C-alpha atoms as a PDB file:
ATOM      1  CA  MET A   1      94.833 253.867  64.023  1.00  0.00           C
ATOM      2  CA  LEU A   2      94.853 252.701  67.049  1.00  0.00           C
ATOM      3  CA  THR A   3      96.235 249.367  67.951  1.00  0.00           C
ATOM      4  CA  MET A   4      95.389 247.247  70.968  1.00  0.00           C
ATOM      5  CA  ALA A   5      98.129 244.695  72.442  1.00  0.00           C
ATOM      6  CA  ARG A   6      97.219 241.473  72.774  1.00  0.00           C
ATOM      7  CA  THR A   7      98.342 239.607  75.659  1.00  0.00           C
ATOM      8  CA  MET A   8      98.928 235.790  75.903  1.00  0.00           C
ATOM      9  CA  SER A   9      98.788 234.177  79.062  1.00  0.00           C
ATOM     10  CA  VAL A  10     101.621 231.656  79.594  1.00  0.00           C
ATOM     11  CA  TRP A  11     100.281 228.574  81.167  1.00  0.00           C
ATOM     12  CA  ARG A  12     102.676 227.877  84.257  1.00  0.00           C
ATOM     13  CA  LEU A  13     101.207 224.379  85.465  1.00  0.00           C
ATOM     14  CA  ARG A  14     104.113 222.301  84.570  1.00  0.00           C
ATOM     15  CA  GLN A  15     106.369 224.898  85.987  1.00  0.00           C
ATOM     16  CA  ILE A  16     104.633 225.316  89.431  1.00  0.00           C
ATOM     17  CA  MET A  17     103.811 221.847  89.758  1.00  0.00           C
ATOM     18  CA  ALA A  18     107.512 220.821  89.298  1.00  0.00           C
ATOM     19  CA  ASP A  19     108.676 223.485  91.457  1.00  0.00           C
ATOM     20  CA  LYS A  20     105.925 222.171  94.258  1.00  0.00           C
ATOM     21  CA  GLN A  21     106.762 218.711  93.533  1.00  0.00           C
ATOM     22  CA  ILE A  22     103.235 217.401  92.803  1.00  0.00           C
ATOM     23  CA  THR A  23     102.205 214.626  90.263  1.00  0.00           C
ATOM     24  CA  ASN A  24      99.665 214.114  88.440  1.00  0.00           C
ATOM     25  CA  GLN A  25      98.055 211.833  90.713  1.00  0.00           C
ATOM     26  CA  GLU A  26      98.414 214.116  93.585  1.00  0.00           C
ATOM     27  CA  LEU A  27      97.003 217.030  91.884  1.00  0.00           C
ATOM     28  CA  SER A  28      94.108 215.197  90.220  1.00  0.00           C
ATOM     29  CA  GLN A  29      93.324 213.720  93.989  1.00  0.00           C
ATOM     30  CA  ARG A  30      93.215 217.485  95.273  1.00  0.00           C
ATOM     31  CA  ILE A  31      91.244 218.611  92.118  1.00  0.00           C
ATOM     32  CA  ASN A  32      88.529 215.782  92.808  1.00  0.00           C
ATOM     33  CA  ALA A  33      88.121 216.672  96.902  1.00  0.00           C
ATOM     34  CA  ILE A  34      87.265 220.245  96.245  1.00  0.00           C
ATOM     35  CA  THR A  35      85.252 219.677  93.148  1.00  0.00           C
ATOM     36  CA  GLY A  36      83.617 216.213  94.001  1.00  0.00           C
ATOM     37  CA  ARG A  37      84.452 215.584  90.106  1.00  0.00           C
ATOM     38  CA  ASN A  38      86.723 212.773  88.266  1.00  0.00           C
ATOM     39  CA  THR A  39      89.238 214.888  86.800  1.00  0.00           C
ATOM     40  CA  HIS A  40      92.135 211.303  85.964  1.00  0.00           C
ATOM     41  CA  PRO A  41      95.843 211.829  86.260  1.00  0.00           C
ATOM     42  CA  VAL A  42      96.193 211.676  82.217  1.00  0.00           C
ATOM     43  CA  THR A  43      93.617 214.725  82.360  1.00  0.00           C
ATOM     44  CA  ILE A  44      96.249 216.573  84.333  1.00  0.00           C
ATOM     45  CA  SER A  45      99.072 215.554  82.010  1.00  0.00           C
ATOM     46  CA  LYS A  46      97.245 216.634  78.925  1.00  0.00           C
ATOM     47  CA  TRP A  47      96.979 220.431  80.705  1.00  0.00           C
ATOM     48  CA  ARG A  48     100.565 220.187  81.630  1.00  0.00           C
ATOM     49  CA  GLN A  49     101.812 219.445  78.018  1.00  0.00           C
ATOM     50  CA  GLN A  50     100.320 223.163  77.206  1.00  0.00           C
ATOM     51  CA  ASN A  51     101.848 225.805  76.709  1.00  0.00           C
ATOM     52  CA  THR A  52      98.876 228.388  76.797  1.00  0.00           C
ATOM     53  CA  MET A  53      95.723 227.902  79.251  1.00  0.00           C
ATOM     54  CA  PRO A  54      94.134 224.802  77.752  1.00  0.00           C
ATOM     55  CA  LYS A  55      89.852 224.669  77.615  1.00  0.00           C
ATOM     56  CA  ILE A  56      88.485 223.949  81.375  1.00  0.00           C
ATOM     57  CA  ASP A  57      85.792 225.579  82.892  1.00  0.00           C
ATOM     58  CA  GLY A  58      85.988 228.093  86.171  1.00  0.00           C
ATOM     59  CA  ILE A  59      85.591 225.380  88.516  1.00  0.00           C
ATOM     60  CA  GLU A  60      88.559 223.331  87.675  1.00  0.00           C
ATOM     61  CA  LEU A  61      90.427 226.270  87.105  1.00  0.00           C
ATOM     62  CA  ASP A  62      89.714 227.600  90.632  1.00  0.00           C
ATOM     63  CA  ALA A  63      90.169 223.983  91.811  1.00  0.00           C
ATOM     64  CA  ILE A  64      93.654 224.099  90.465  1.00  0.00           C
ATOM     65  CA  VAL A  65      94.465 226.988  91.717  1.00  0.00           C
ATOM     66  CA  ASP A  66      93.253 226.266  95.452  1.00  0.00           C
ATOM     67  CA  ALA A  67      94.926 223.092  94.961  1.00  0.00           C
ATOM     68  CA  LEU A  68      98.655 224.306  94.052  1.00  0.00           C
ATOM     69  CA  GLY A  69      98.165 227.083  97.009  1.00  0.00           C
ATOM     70  CA  VAL A  70      98.627 229.995  93.791  1.00  0.00           C
ATOM     71  CA  SER A  71      96.682 232.693  92.589  1.00  0.00           C
ATOM     72  CA  ARG A  72      95.276 232.831  88.996  1.00  0.00           C
ATOM     73  CA  ASN A  73      97.602 235.407  88.151  1.00  0.00           C
ATOM     74  CA  GLU A  74     100.754 232.948  88.698  1.00  0.00           C
ATOM     75  CA  LEU A  75      99.469 230.056  86.989  1.00  0.00           C
ATOM     76  CA  LEU A  76      98.373 232.513  84.295  1.00  0.00           C
ATOM     77  CA  GLY A  77     101.643 234.327  83.868  1.00  0.00           C
ATOM     78  CA  ASP A  78     101.537 237.330  80.874  1.00  0.00           C
ATOM     79  CA  ARG A  79     103.965 236.760  78.179  1.00  0.00           C
END
């Protein structure tokens, strides 16, 4: 029987934001400047509380990594 290992991504937003000393408000403003959308700081707070990647679209994910100056791999570490 063949078993496939399932890897879970660790959502590292909380740690990266703390390391870079970026507030919810600041990340929200950066994301909004990149996307032209209106991502509220409370949304950022909710995302930070997650241990696995929340349901966000590719545009938001790309904006987060651009705004933080990290790669997707850094944001989504493997367990």
